[in-house]
Amino acid sequence: MAHKEKTFQFVIVGGGIAGVTCVEQLSSQIQSADVALITAGPHIKAVTNYKQVSKTLEEFDIEEQPSSVLEEKFPNLTVIHSAVKCLNTQSHAVETADGRVIGYEKLCICSGGRPKLLSDGNPYVLGIRDTDSAQALQKRLSKARRIVVVGNGGIALELVYEVEGCEVIWAVKDKAIGNTFFDAGAAQFLIPSLEADKPQSAAPCKRIRYTTEEPAAGASQTFTRGRILRGHGSGPTKPGSALGPDWHEGIVLRGAEQVSRRVTVEYQCEVEKIFTFEELLNSPQQAVKPENVGSWPVYIQLTNGKSFGCDFIVSATGVVPNTEPFLHGNSFALADDGGLRVDDHMMTSEPDVYAAGDVCTACWELSPLWQQMRLWTQARQMGWYAGRCMAACVLAEPIELDFCFELFSHITKFFNYKVVLLGKFNGQGLGPDHELLVRCTKGQEYVKAVLSGGKMVGAVLIGETDLEETFENLILNQMDLTQYGEDLLNPNIDIEDYFD
């Protein structure tokens, strides 16, 4: 590696939420510190309108800003616009793609994740992760009659709800939509939103220890609905950080057809193969039903035996930690999911190298109520905590694992409903002895409490339930709730009165 042109006390790689939050935390804690941020794009992702909703719940918006905004705020910050080519942990230096060599005393890798693509290099497969890909999608959609969306995470959910004027085939590998975020019961609550907007109000129905009727394996459901979306286009951006929770705002996701849209969900299936019309004609077994043969640019065959022709395929199948340029020549310990292993001070296995956000995997002894999910909230928390840990190390101060890692909590919006997730909201890792209490008011709210050994360990709240603080307290206090039984969710009992 060439001669270092400069050595900074702190170098952070990545202009997403984790990296920017880390920079802000370091720069405000040690104002004299020499900090460099290395980022490929001209824009950074900043947290705005931050609001602490309760002990662990937080809400914020995400804004793309020119990196100069950050430099104006912190005079000791240098922003270097380039991708990272390689890292030499022994000589404590980072080489950028444009050939500069930057030394560091402490480094924090916040390079995020990259989309897991269904197929590399296929022009008809679009991966959605950053603002750039969202705009490419908008352009392609305007001419589309039918698209296939593959994936069951947050981006797939939002996309399917927002697209109109275009037929959508949605392939999900699970028995229900939105499996990452909630269970089949919540999915059944949200499904009507894919139909035409009907004002629905009904009395709350309470079911205890419920099971939801799921579509049989290989079944599909079709919904139609119409809705007007007004959007404002925004200028082009360079490839960059992941999308914010409201990434589709300001992007008109409208297809070529003048119909209100139609969504068909294909459950419990994955992609078998993707092929062109030519390949279809030459294939011995005509897999595609005759009504689908024709002038589609691309075809997709699913593991449930069905095939569809479409204009393009959206791959929204999650991300893999973006460790690419850092591993070569170094000996980082990696977790099973490919992330850089970090301890409870966000330190990797290499000396003086920290990591935060989607690129890392939390490998300390986790709280029984917290799990890593590679979400915005966690990127912000990890970046903030990594900055604190780096500063504490330099200032030789002790530091405790932050309280935000005690209880998993996340606020988001799906299908225009407020969604709050707490703790083991999906019964993650709990034995068969846990029970679910559910209250559901059609079209209005869905409340689920997960109990284990008589104590609340998780919750899903959809709609304006106003229960988040109460439930958060019940989970954090681990109070025995056995005596309340089903009354815990009785809509006629004001639960806050019990537990204030």
Protein backbone atom coordinates (compact mmCIF):
# COMPACT_ATOMS: atom_id res chain seq x y z
CA MET A 1 0.00 0.00 0.00
CA ALA A 2 1.26 3.44 -0.90
CA HIS A 3 2.33 6.08 1.61
CA LYS A 4 -0.49 7.46 3.82
CA GLU A 5 -1.36 11.00 2.82
CA LYS A 6 -2.88 11.73 6.24
CA THR A 7 -3.80 9.92 9.44
CA PHE A 8 -7.05 10.79 11.17
CA GLN A 9 -7.93 9.97 14.73
CA PHE A 10 -11.27 8.51 13.59
CA VAL A 11 -12.25 7.26 10.14
CA ILE A 12 -15.82 6.17 9.40
CA VAL A 13 -16.71 4.35 6.19
CA GLY A 14 -20.25 4.76 4.84
CA GLY A 15 -22.62 7.72 4.50
CA GLY A 16 -25.77 5.87 5.56
CA ILE A 17 -27.58 6.29 8.87
CA ALA A 18 -25.10 4.24 10.93
CA GLY A 19 -22.02 6.06 9.59
CA VAL A 20 -23.51 9.55 9.79
CA THR A 21 -24.85 8.99 13.30
CA CYS A 22 -21.43 7.68 14.36
CA VAL A 23 -19.75 10.80 12.94
CA GLU A 24 -22.22 13.09 14.72
CA GLN A 25 -21.79 11.32 18.04
CA LEU A 26 -17.97 11.35 17.86
CA SER A 27 -17.75 14.93 16.69
CA SER A 28 -20.03 16.23 19.41
CA GLN A 29 -18.36 14.18 22.14
CA ILE A 30 -14.76 15.03 21.27
CA GLN A 31 -14.98 18.33 19.44
CA SER A 32 -11.24 18.56 18.81
CA ALA A 33 -11.14 15.11 17.19
CA ASP A 34 -9.92 14.77 13.64
CA VAL A 35 -12.71 12.80 11.89
CA ALA A 36 -12.94 11.60 8.30
CA LEU A 37 -16.03 10.16 6.62
CA ILE A 38 -15.38 8.11 3.50
CA THR A 39 -18.49 7.78 1.37
CA ALA A 40 -19.05 6.86 -2.27
CA GLY A 41 -22.01 9.12 -3.07
CA PRO A 42 -22.28 12.93 -2.85
CA HIS A 43 -25.24 12.59 -0.48
CA ILE A 44 -25.43 11.32 3.05
CA LYS A 45 -28.44 10.03 4.96
CA ALA A 46 -29.39 12.17 7.93
CA VAL A 47 -31.88 11.54 10.73
CA THR A 48 -34.38 14.41 11.01
CA ASN A 49 -37.43 15.09 13.21
CA TYR A 50 -36.12 12.67 15.81
CA LYS A 51 -38.65 11.97 18.52
CA GLN A 52 -38.23 9.74 21.58
CA VAL A 53 -41.74 8.23 21.85
CA SER A 54 -41.15 6.17 24.99
CA LYS A 55 -38.24 4.57 26.85
CA THR A 56 -37.14 2.51 23.85
CA LEU A 57 -39.39 3.58 20.98
CA GLU A 58 -38.20 6.31 18.66
CA GLU A 59 -39.54 7.88 15.50
CA PHE A 60 -37.61 9.82 12.91
CA ASP A 61 -37.50 10.72 9.24
CA ILE A 62 -34.61 10.11 6.94
CA GLU A 63 -33.38 12.76 4.57
CA GLU A 64 -30.78 12.74 1.86
CA GLN A 65 -28.54 15.76 2.28
CA PRO A 66 -25.39 16.97 0.56
CA SER A 67 -22.40 16.00 2.70
CA SER A 68 -21.45 19.68 2.97
CA VAL A 69 -24.29 20.03 5.49
CA LEU A 70 -22.36 17.72 7.81
CA GLU A 71 -19.05 19.52 7.23
CA GLU A 72 -20.64 22.86 8.09
CA LYS A 73 -21.95 21.41 11.32
CA PHE A 74 -18.63 19.86 12.35
CA PRO A 75 -15.56 21.92 11.38
CA ASN A 76 -13.23 19.04 12.31
CA LEU A 77 -14.85 16.68 9.81
CA THR A 78 -13.33 15.86 6.41
CA VAL A 79 -15.58 14.09 3.90
CA ILE A 80 -13.77 11.97 1.30
CA HIS A 81 -15.92 11.08 -1.70
CA SER A 82 -14.80 7.71 -2.92
CA ALA A 83 -15.52 4.03 -2.59
CA VAL A 84 -13.14 1.93 -0.49
CA LYS A 85 -10.83 -0.34 -2.46
CA CYS A 86 -9.17 -2.16 0.41
CA LEU A 87 -8.32 -2.06 4.09
CA ASN A 88 -5.03 -2.92 5.73
CA THR A 89 -5.75 -3.45 9.43
CA GLN A 90 -2.05 -3.99 10.23
CA SER A 91 -0.84 -0.69 8.87
CA HIS A 92 -4.14 0.99 9.98
CA ALA A 93 -4.86 2.36 6.51
CA VAL A 94 -7.76 2.49 4.05
CA GLU A 95 -7.14 2.75 0.32
CA THR A 96 -9.86 4.45 -1.70
CA ALA A 97 -10.89 3.59 -5.26
CA ASP A 98 -9.24 6.78 -6.51
CA GLY A 99 -5.90 5.74 -5.06
CA ARG A 100 -5.71 7.77 -1.87
CA VAL A 101 -4.39 6.13 1.29
CA ILE A 102 -5.97 7.33 4.53
CA GLY A 103 -4.54 6.34 7.91
CA TYR A 104 -6.67 5.89 11.01
CA GLU A 105 -6.20 5.43 14.74
CA LYS A 106 -9.73 4.03 15.07
CA LEU A 107 -11.96 2.90 12.21
CA CYS A 108 -15.70 2.24 12.11
CA ILE A 109 -17.08 0.26 9.16
CA CYS A 110 -20.69 1.27 8.38
CA SER A 111 -20.91 0.03 4.80
CA GLY A 112 -24.43 -1.34 5.16
CA GLY A 113 -25.90 -4.19 3.18
CA ARG A 114 -26.37 -4.87 -0.50
CA PRO A 115 -29.51 -6.41 -2.01
CA LYS A 116 -29.59 -10.20 -2.36
CA LEU A 117 -30.46 -10.36 -6.04
CA LEU A 118 -32.40 -13.20 -7.61
CA SER A 119 -30.07 -13.17 -10.56
CA ASP A 120 -27.04 -11.10 -11.31
CA GLY A 121 -26.83 -9.12 -14.48
CA ASN A 122 -30.34 -9.93 -15.72
CA PRO A 123 -31.70 -6.65 -17.16
CA TYR A 124 -35.25 -7.68 -16.28
CA VAL A 125 -34.52 -8.15 -12.58
CA LEU A 126 -34.55 -4.99 -10.50
CA GLY A 127 -33.18 -5.02 -6.96
CA ILE A 128 -34.58 -2.32 -4.72
CA ARG A 129 -32.50 -0.98 -1.88
CA ASP A 130 -31.52 2.63 -2.47
CA THR A 131 -33.10 5.78 -3.81
CA ASP A 132 -31.45 5.18 -7.14
CA SER A 133 -33.08 1.83 -7.65
CA ALA A 134 -36.43 3.27 -6.56
CA GLN A 135 -36.22 5.85 -9.33
CA ALA A 136 -35.20 3.25 -11.89
CA LEU A 137 -38.30 1.33 -10.81
CA GLN A 138 -40.51 4.39 -11.29
CA LYS A 139 -39.22 4.81 -14.88
CA ARG A 140 -39.72 1.15 -15.73
CA LEU A 141 -43.19 1.02 -14.16
CA SER A 142 -44.62 3.73 -16.37
CA LYS A 143 -44.53 1.30 -19.29
CA ALA A 144 -45.40 -1.85 -17.37
CA ARG A 145 -48.59 -3.91 -17.59
CA ARG A 146 -47.58 -6.65 -15.20
CA ILE A 147 -44.74 -7.07 -12.73
CA VAL A 148 -43.73 -9.86 -10.39
CA VAL A 149 -42.54 -8.88 -6.89
CA VAL A 150 -40.48 -11.46 -5.04
CA GLY A 151 -39.89 -11.03 -1.30
CA ASN A 152 -41.76 -10.66 1.94
CA GLY A 153 -39.96 -7.91 3.88
CA GLY A 154 -40.76 -4.26 4.43
CA ILE A 155 -39.91 -3.04 0.93
CA ALA A 156 -42.04 -5.72 -0.78
CA LEU A 157 -44.98 -4.86 1.49
CA GLU A 158 -44.80 -1.15 0.74
CA LEU A 159 -44.24 -1.64 -2.95
CA VAL A 160 -47.19 -3.95 -3.46
CA TYR A 161 -49.45 -1.50 -1.65
CA GLU A 162 -48.26 1.57 -3.54
CA VAL A 163 -48.05 0.35 -7.15
CA GLU A 164 -51.08 1.04 -9.31
CA GLY A 165 -52.15 0.86 -12.92
CA CYS A 166 -50.33 -2.43 -13.24
CA GLU A 167 -51.00 -6.05 -12.40
CA VAL A 168 -48.82 -7.34 -9.57
CA ILE A 169 -47.98 -10.97 -8.93
CA TRP A 170 -46.48 -11.20 -5.46
CA ALA A 171 -44.44 -14.31 -4.66
CA VAL A 172 -43.83 -14.88 -0.95
CA LYS A 173 -41.98 -17.84 0.49
CA ASP A 174 -44.07 -17.92 3.65
CA LYS A 175 -47.64 -18.89 4.45
CA ALA A 176 -48.57 -15.25 5.03
CA ILE A 177 -47.54 -11.79 3.87
CA GLY A 178 -45.09 -9.72 5.89
CA ASN A 179 -43.60 -12.68 7.69
CA THR A 180 -40.54 -10.75 8.86
CA PHE A 181 -42.71 -8.26 10.69
CA PHE A 182 -45.78 -10.06 11.88
CA ASP A 183 -47.69 -13.31 11.96
CA ALA A 184 -50.51 -14.71 9.86
CA GLY A 185 -53.14 -13.05 12.06
CA ALA A 186 -51.79 -9.57 11.42
CA ALA A 187 -51.45 -10.44 7.73
CA GLN A 188 -55.13 -11.37 7.57
CA PHE A 189 -55.93 -8.03 9.23
CA LEU A 190 -53.93 -6.12 6.61
CA ILE A 191 -55.04 -8.10 3.53
CA PRO A 192 -58.33 -6.17 3.02
CA SER A 193 -56.23 -3.02 2.53
CA LEU A 194 -55.17 -4.45 -0.80
CA GLU A 195 -58.81 -4.32 -1.89
CA ALA A 196 -60.77 -1.19 -2.77
CA ASP A 197 -60.84 1.31 0.09
CA LYS A 198 -64.02 0.51 1.97
CA PRO A 199 -64.72 2.26 5.26
CA GLN A 200 -65.06 -0.62 7.67
CA SER A 201 -65.83 -0.48 11.30
CA ALA A 202 -66.81 -3.38 13.43
CA ALA A 203 -67.00 -4.35 17.06
CA PRO A 204 -63.72 -5.66 18.45
CA CYS A 205 -63.63 -9.42 18.27
CA LYS A 206 -61.50 -11.09 20.89
CA ARG A 207 -59.95 -14.47 20.31
CA ILE A 208 -57.71 -16.16 22.76
CA ARG A 209 -55.08 -18.77 21.76
CA TYR A 210 -56.09 -18.35 18.17
CA THR A 211 -54.98 -20.06 15.02
CA THR A 212 -55.54 -18.29 11.73
CA GLU A 213 -56.90 -20.06 8.72
CA GLU A 214 -54.15 -19.86 6.18
CA PRO A 215 -54.47 -20.38 2.46
CA ALA A 216 -53.59 -23.94 1.51
CA ALA A 217 -50.05 -24.50 0.23
CA GLY A 218 -49.73 -23.31 -3.34
CA ALA A 219 -52.96 -21.33 -3.17
CA SER A 220 -53.15 -17.77 -4.38
CA GLN A 221 -55.39 -14.86 -3.46
CA THR A 222 -56.37 -12.00 -5.73
CA PHE A 223 -57.45 -8.53 -4.67
CA THR A 224 -58.37 -5.49 -6.67
CA ARG A 225 -58.45 -1.98 -5.46
CA GLY A 226 -58.33 1.55 -6.82
CA ARG A 227 -56.59 4.54 -5.32
CA ILE A 228 -55.26 7.88 -6.48
CA LEU A 229 -51.65 8.63 -5.67
CA ARG A 230 -50.30 12.14 -6.00
CA GLY A 231 -46.55 12.24 -6.02
CA HIS A 232 -43.72 14.65 -6.67
CA GLY A 233 -40.78 13.44 -8.69
CA SER A 234 -37.33 14.10 -7.33
CA GLY A 235 -34.00 14.54 -9.05
CA PRO A 236 -31.65 11.72 -9.90
CA THR A 237 -29.16 10.49 -7.31
CA LYS A 238 -26.03 8.37 -7.33
CA PRO A 239 -26.23 4.81 -6.03
CA GLY A 240 -26.08 5.01 -2.33
CA SER A 241 -27.57 4.20 0.99
CA ALA A 242 -30.66 2.16 1.65
CA LEU A 243 -34.13 3.59 1.35
CA GLY A 244 -35.94 5.27 4.21
CA PRO A 245 -39.13 3.88 5.67
CA ASP A 246 -41.22 6.13 3.41
CA TRP A 247 -39.07 5.66 0.33
CA HIS A 248 -42.06 5.63 -2.01
CA GLU A 249 -43.21 9.11 -1.00
CA GLY A 250 -42.50 11.53 -3.79
CA ILE A 251 -42.18 8.72 -6.30
CA VAL A 252 -45.16 8.05 -8.55
CA LEU A 253 -45.41 4.28 -8.76
CA ARG A 254 -47.82 4.04 -11.65
CA GLY A 255 -48.00 1.46 -14.40
CA ALA A 256 -49.18 1.74 -17.99
CA GLU A 257 -52.65 0.26 -17.54
CA GLN A 258 -55.56 2.54 -16.75
CA VAL A 259 -57.16 0.04 -14.38
CA SER A 260 -57.25 0.13 -10.64
CA ARG A 261 -54.66 -2.40 -9.79
CA ARG A 262 -54.79 -6.08 -9.16
CA VAL A 263 -52.56 -8.03 -6.81
CA THR A 264 -52.28 -11.80 -6.83
CA VAL A 265 -50.38 -13.33 -3.93
CA GLU A 266 -48.66 -16.66 -4.51
CA TYR A 267 -47.83 -18.18 -1.12
CA GLN A 268 -45.12 -20.59 -0.01
CA CYS A 269 -43.13 -20.46 -3.21
CA GLU A 270 -39.76 -19.28 -4.40
CA VAL A 271 -38.26 -18.61 -7.80
CA GLU A 272 -37.42 -21.74 -9.76
CA LYS A 273 -36.04 -19.97 -12.81
CA ILE A 274 -36.18 -16.84 -14.92
CA PHE A 275 -36.14 -17.04 -18.70
CA THR A 276 -36.83 -15.09 -21.90
CA PHE A 277 -39.45 -15.71 -24.58
CA GLU A 278 -36.81 -17.25 -26.86
CA GLU A 279 -35.68 -19.65 -24.14
CA LEU A 280 -39.32 -20.51 -23.54
CA LEU A 281 -39.88 -21.45 -27.18
CA ASN A 282 -36.79 -23.63 -27.18
CA SER A 283 -37.58 -25.39 -23.91
CA PRO A 284 -38.80 -28.99 -24.28
CA GLN A 285 -41.51 -28.69 -21.61
CA GLN A 286 -43.84 -25.79 -22.29
CA ALA A 287 -44.01 -24.70 -18.66
CA VAL A 288 -46.02 -21.56 -19.24
CA LYS A 289 -49.76 -21.84 -19.72
CA PRO A 290 -50.87 -20.72 -23.20
CA GLU A 291 -52.70 -17.62 -21.94
CA ASN A 292 -49.43 -16.28 -20.63
CA VAL A 293 -47.39 -16.96 -23.72
CA GLY A 294 -46.92 -13.96 -25.90
CA SER A 295 -44.98 -10.83 -25.95
CA TRP A 296 -43.68 -10.68 -22.38
CA PRO A 297 -40.02 -9.71 -22.17
CA VAL A 298 -39.34 -12.08 -19.28
CA TYR A 299 -40.90 -15.15 -17.68
CA ILE A 300 -40.62 -16.50 -14.17
CA GLN A 301 -41.29 -20.01 -12.98
CA LEU A 302 -42.16 -20.48 -9.30
CA THR A 303 -41.60 -23.57 -7.19
CA ASN A 304 -45.39 -24.05 -6.91
CA GLY A 305 -45.38 -24.99 -10.59
CA LYS A 306 -46.91 -21.75 -11.86
CA SER A 307 -45.23 -19.54 -14.42
CA PHE A 308 -45.94 -15.95 -15.41
CA GLY A 309 -44.82 -13.63 -18.15
CA CYS A 310 -44.22 -10.05 -17.05
CA ASP A 311 -42.48 -6.77 -17.94
CA PHE A 312 -39.92 -7.08 -15.16
CA ILE A 313 -39.27 -8.70 -11.81
CA VAL A 314 -38.62 -6.79 -8.59
CA SER A 315 -36.25 -8.55 -6.27
CA ALA A 316 -37.01 -7.39 -2.72
CA THR A 317 -35.48 -10.37 -0.97
CA GLY A 318 -33.45 -8.66 1.73
CA VAL A 319 -29.80 -7.70 2.06
CA VAL A 320 -26.45 -9.29 2.74
CA PRO A 321 -23.81 -7.48 4.81
CA ASN A 322 -21.59 -5.44 2.51
CA THR A 323 -18.17 -6.63 3.72
CA GLU A 324 -16.66 -6.89 0.23
CA PRO A 325 -13.64 -4.55 0.24
CA PHE A 326 -12.67 -5.11 3.89
CA LEU A 327 -12.02 -8.83 4.14
CA HIS A 328 -9.13 -9.37 1.75
CA GLY A 329 -5.81 -9.72 3.57
CA ASN A 330 -7.41 -9.27 7.00
CA SER A 331 -8.75 -11.82 9.44
CA PHE A 332 -12.16 -10.55 10.52
CA ALA A 333 -14.35 -13.01 12.42
CA LEU A 334 -17.61 -13.32 10.49
CA ALA A 335 -21.03 -14.41 11.77
CA ASP A 336 -23.11 -17.09 10.03
CA ASP A 337 -25.06 -14.41 8.15
CA GLY A 338 -21.84 -12.99 6.71
CA GLY A 339 -21.77 -9.91 8.95
CA LEU A 340 -18.67 -8.68 10.81
CA ARG A 341 -18.93 -10.07 14.34
CA VAL A 342 -19.02 -7.26 16.93
CA ASP A 343 -18.87 -7.46 20.72
CA ASP A 344 -20.82 -5.34 23.21
CA HIS A 345 -18.55 -2.38 22.43
CA MET A 346 -19.21 -2.70 18.68
CA MET A 347 -15.62 -3.88 18.19
CA THR A 348 -14.73 -6.36 15.46
CA SER A 349 -12.04 -9.00 15.92
CA GLU A 350 -9.44 -6.69 14.35
CA PRO A 351 -7.74 -4.17 16.69
CA ASP A 352 -9.11 -0.59 16.57
CA VAL A 353 -11.80 -1.56 14.04
CA TYR A 354 -15.44 -1.07 14.99
CA ALA A 355 -18.55 -1.74 12.90
CA ALA A 356 -22.20 -0.64 13.06
CA GLY A 357 -25.45 -1.08 11.14
CA ASP A 358 -26.30 -3.69 8.52
CA VAL A 359 -22.68 -4.70 7.90
CA CYS A 360 -22.23 -6.09 11.40
CA THR A 361 -23.77 -8.88 13.46
CA ALA A 362 -24.34 -8.46 17.19
CA CYS A 363 -22.44 -11.32 18.84
CA TRP A 364 -22.57 -10.40 22.50
CA GLU A 365 -24.92 -12.26 24.85
CA LEU A 366 -28.18 -10.72 23.69
CA SER A 367 -30.96 -9.65 26.03
CA PRO A 368 -33.80 -12.22 25.91
CA LEU A 369 -36.07 -9.44 24.59
CA TRP A 370 -33.87 -8.03 21.81
CA GLN A 371 -32.93 -9.29 18.37
CA GLN A 372 -31.03 -7.74 15.48
CA MET A 373 -33.16 -7.05 12.42
CA ARG A 374 -31.15 -4.72 10.17
CA LEU A 375 -33.64 -1.87 10.39
CA TRP A 376 -33.28 1.92 10.29
CA THR A 377 -33.80 2.24 14.01
CA GLN A 378 -31.02 -0.24 14.69
CA ALA A 379 -28.60 1.40 12.26
CA ARG A 380 -29.10 4.66 14.13
CA GLN A 381 -28.73 3.07 17.56
CA MET A 382 -25.64 1.08 16.61
CA GLY A 383 -23.96 4.06 14.94
CA TRP A 384 -24.66 6.24 17.96
CA TYR A 385 -23.41 3.60 20.40
CA ALA A 386 -20.31 2.81 18.29
CA GLY A 387 -19.43 6.53 18.33
CA ARG A 388 -19.82 6.58 22.11
CA CYS A 389 -17.66 3.45 22.50
CA MET A 390 -14.89 4.88 20.30
CA ALA A 391 -14.91 8.13 22.27
CA ALA A 392 -15.00 6.28 25.62
CA CYS A 393 -11.98 4.24 24.56
CA VAL A 394 -9.97 7.37 23.67
CA LEU A 395 -11.08 9.20 26.82
CA ALA A 396 -10.44 6.05 28.89
CA GLU A 397 -13.98 6.13 30.28
CA PRO A 398 -15.99 3.02 31.18
CA ILE A 399 -19.13 2.39 29.11
CA GLU A 400 -22.14 0.13 29.62
CA LEU A 401 -24.11 -1.60 26.87
CA ASP A 402 -26.77 0.89 25.86
CA PHE A 403 -30.34 0.48 27.14
CA CYS A 404 -31.70 0.37 23.57
CA PHE A 405 -30.36 -3.20 23.32
CA GLU A 406 -32.54 -4.31 26.27
CA LEU A 407 -35.79 -4.43 24.35
CA PHE A 408 -36.38 -4.69 20.61
CA SER A 409 -38.71 -1.90 19.50
CA HIS A 410 -39.67 -0.54 16.11
CA ILE A 411 -42.32 1.85 14.76
CA THR A 412 -43.18 1.79 11.09
CA LYS A 413 -46.13 2.14 8.74
CA PHE A 414 -47.61 -0.57 6.55
CA PHE A 415 -50.62 -0.13 4.31
CA ASN A 416 -51.11 3.25 5.96
CA TYR A 417 -51.49 1.77 9.44
CA LYS A 418 -49.12 2.62 12.26
CA VAL A 419 -47.28 -0.57 13.26
CA VAL A 420 -45.43 -0.97 16.57
CA LEU A 421 -43.33 -4.07 17.23
CA LEU A 422 -41.97 -4.86 20.70
CA GLY A 423 -39.74 -7.61 22.05
CA LYS A 424 -40.27 -11.14 20.70
CA PHE A 425 -43.24 -9.87 18.71
CA ASN A 426 -43.36 -12.99 16.57
CA GLY A 427 -42.54 -15.41 19.38
CA GLN A 428 -38.96 -15.58 18.03
CA GLY A 429 -37.00 -18.31 19.77
CA LEU A 430 -39.73 -19.02 22.34
CA GLY A 431 -40.69 -22.59 23.17
CA PRO A 432 -44.11 -24.08 22.46
CA ASP A 433 -45.34 -22.93 25.87
CA HIS A 434 -45.94 -19.32 24.90
CA GLU A 435 -49.43 -18.00 24.35
CA LEU A 436 -50.89 -15.25 22.23
CA LEU A 437 -53.64 -12.87 23.24
CA VAL A 438 -55.28 -11.14 20.29
CA ARG A 439 -57.81 -8.37 19.91
CA CYS A 440 -58.82 -7.41 16.41
CA THR A 441 -61.23 -4.73 15.20
CA LYS A 442 -61.61 -5.12 11.47
CA GLY A 443 -60.25 -2.17 9.50
CA GLN A 444 -59.26 -0.39 12.71
CA GLU A 445 -56.74 -2.12 14.96
CA TYR A 446 -54.96 -5.36 15.66
CA VAL A 447 -53.41 -5.96 19.08
CA LYS A 448 -51.37 -9.03 19.90
CA ALA A 449 -49.55 -9.78 23.14
CA VAL A 450 -47.05 -12.62 23.36
CA LEU A 451 -46.90 -14.16 26.86
CA SER A 452 -44.42 -16.67 28.18
CA GLY A 453 -44.65 -18.04 31.71
CA GLY A 454 -47.37 -15.49 32.48
CA LYS A 455 -45.19 -12.52 31.54
CA MET A 456 -45.44 -10.38 28.44
CA VAL A 457 -42.42 -10.81 26.17
CA GLY A 458 -43.61 -9.25 22.92
CA ALA A 459 -46.37 -7.36 21.14
CA VAL A 460 -47.65 -6.28 17.74
CA LEU A 461 -49.82 -3.14 17.65
CA ILE A 462 -51.40 -2.12 14.36
CA GLY A 463 -53.51 1.03 14.14
CA GLU A 464 -53.85 3.87 16.67
CA THR A 465 -53.97 1.63 19.74
CA ASP A 466 -52.24 3.95 22.23
CA LEU A 467 -50.97 0.87 24.04
CA GLU A 468 -47.27 1.10 23.22
CA GLU A 469 -46.07 2.67 26.47
CA THR A 470 -48.18 0.41 28.67
CA PHE A 471 -47.01 -2.71 26.85
CA GLU A 472 -43.41 -1.55 26.82
CA ASN A 473 -43.58 -1.15 30.60
CA LEU A 474 -45.20 -4.54 31.08
CA ILE A 475 -42.45 -6.17 29.01
CA LEU A 476 -39.61 -4.28 30.71
CA ASN A 477 -40.98 -4.88 34.23
CA GLN A 478 -41.63 -8.58 33.55
CA MET A 479 -44.67 -8.38 35.79
CA ASP A 480 -46.68 -11.58 36.31
CA LEU A 481 -49.94 -11.10 34.39
CA THR A 482 -51.52 -14.49 35.11
CA GLN A 483 -54.28 -13.01 37.29
CA TYR A 484 -55.58 -10.80 34.49
CA GLY A 485 -56.07 -13.64 32.02
CA GLU A 486 -58.05 -12.63 28.98
CA ASP A 487 -58.97 -9.29 30.57
CA LEU A 488 -55.55 -8.01 29.64
CA LEU A 489 -56.95 -7.12 26.20
CA ASN A 490 -60.55 -6.54 27.16
CA PRO A 491 -61.53 -3.36 25.26
CA ASN A 492 -63.95 -2.37 28.05
CA ILE A 493 -61.22 -2.32 30.67
CA ASP A 494 -58.77 0.55 30.59
CA ILE A 495 -55.55 -1.38 30.90
CA GLU A 496 -53.52 1.76 31.71
CA ASP A 497 -55.44 2.08 34.99
CA TYR A 498 -53.96 -1.19 36.17
CA PHE A 499 -50.36 -0.47 35.40
CA ASP A 500 -49.52 3.19 35.76
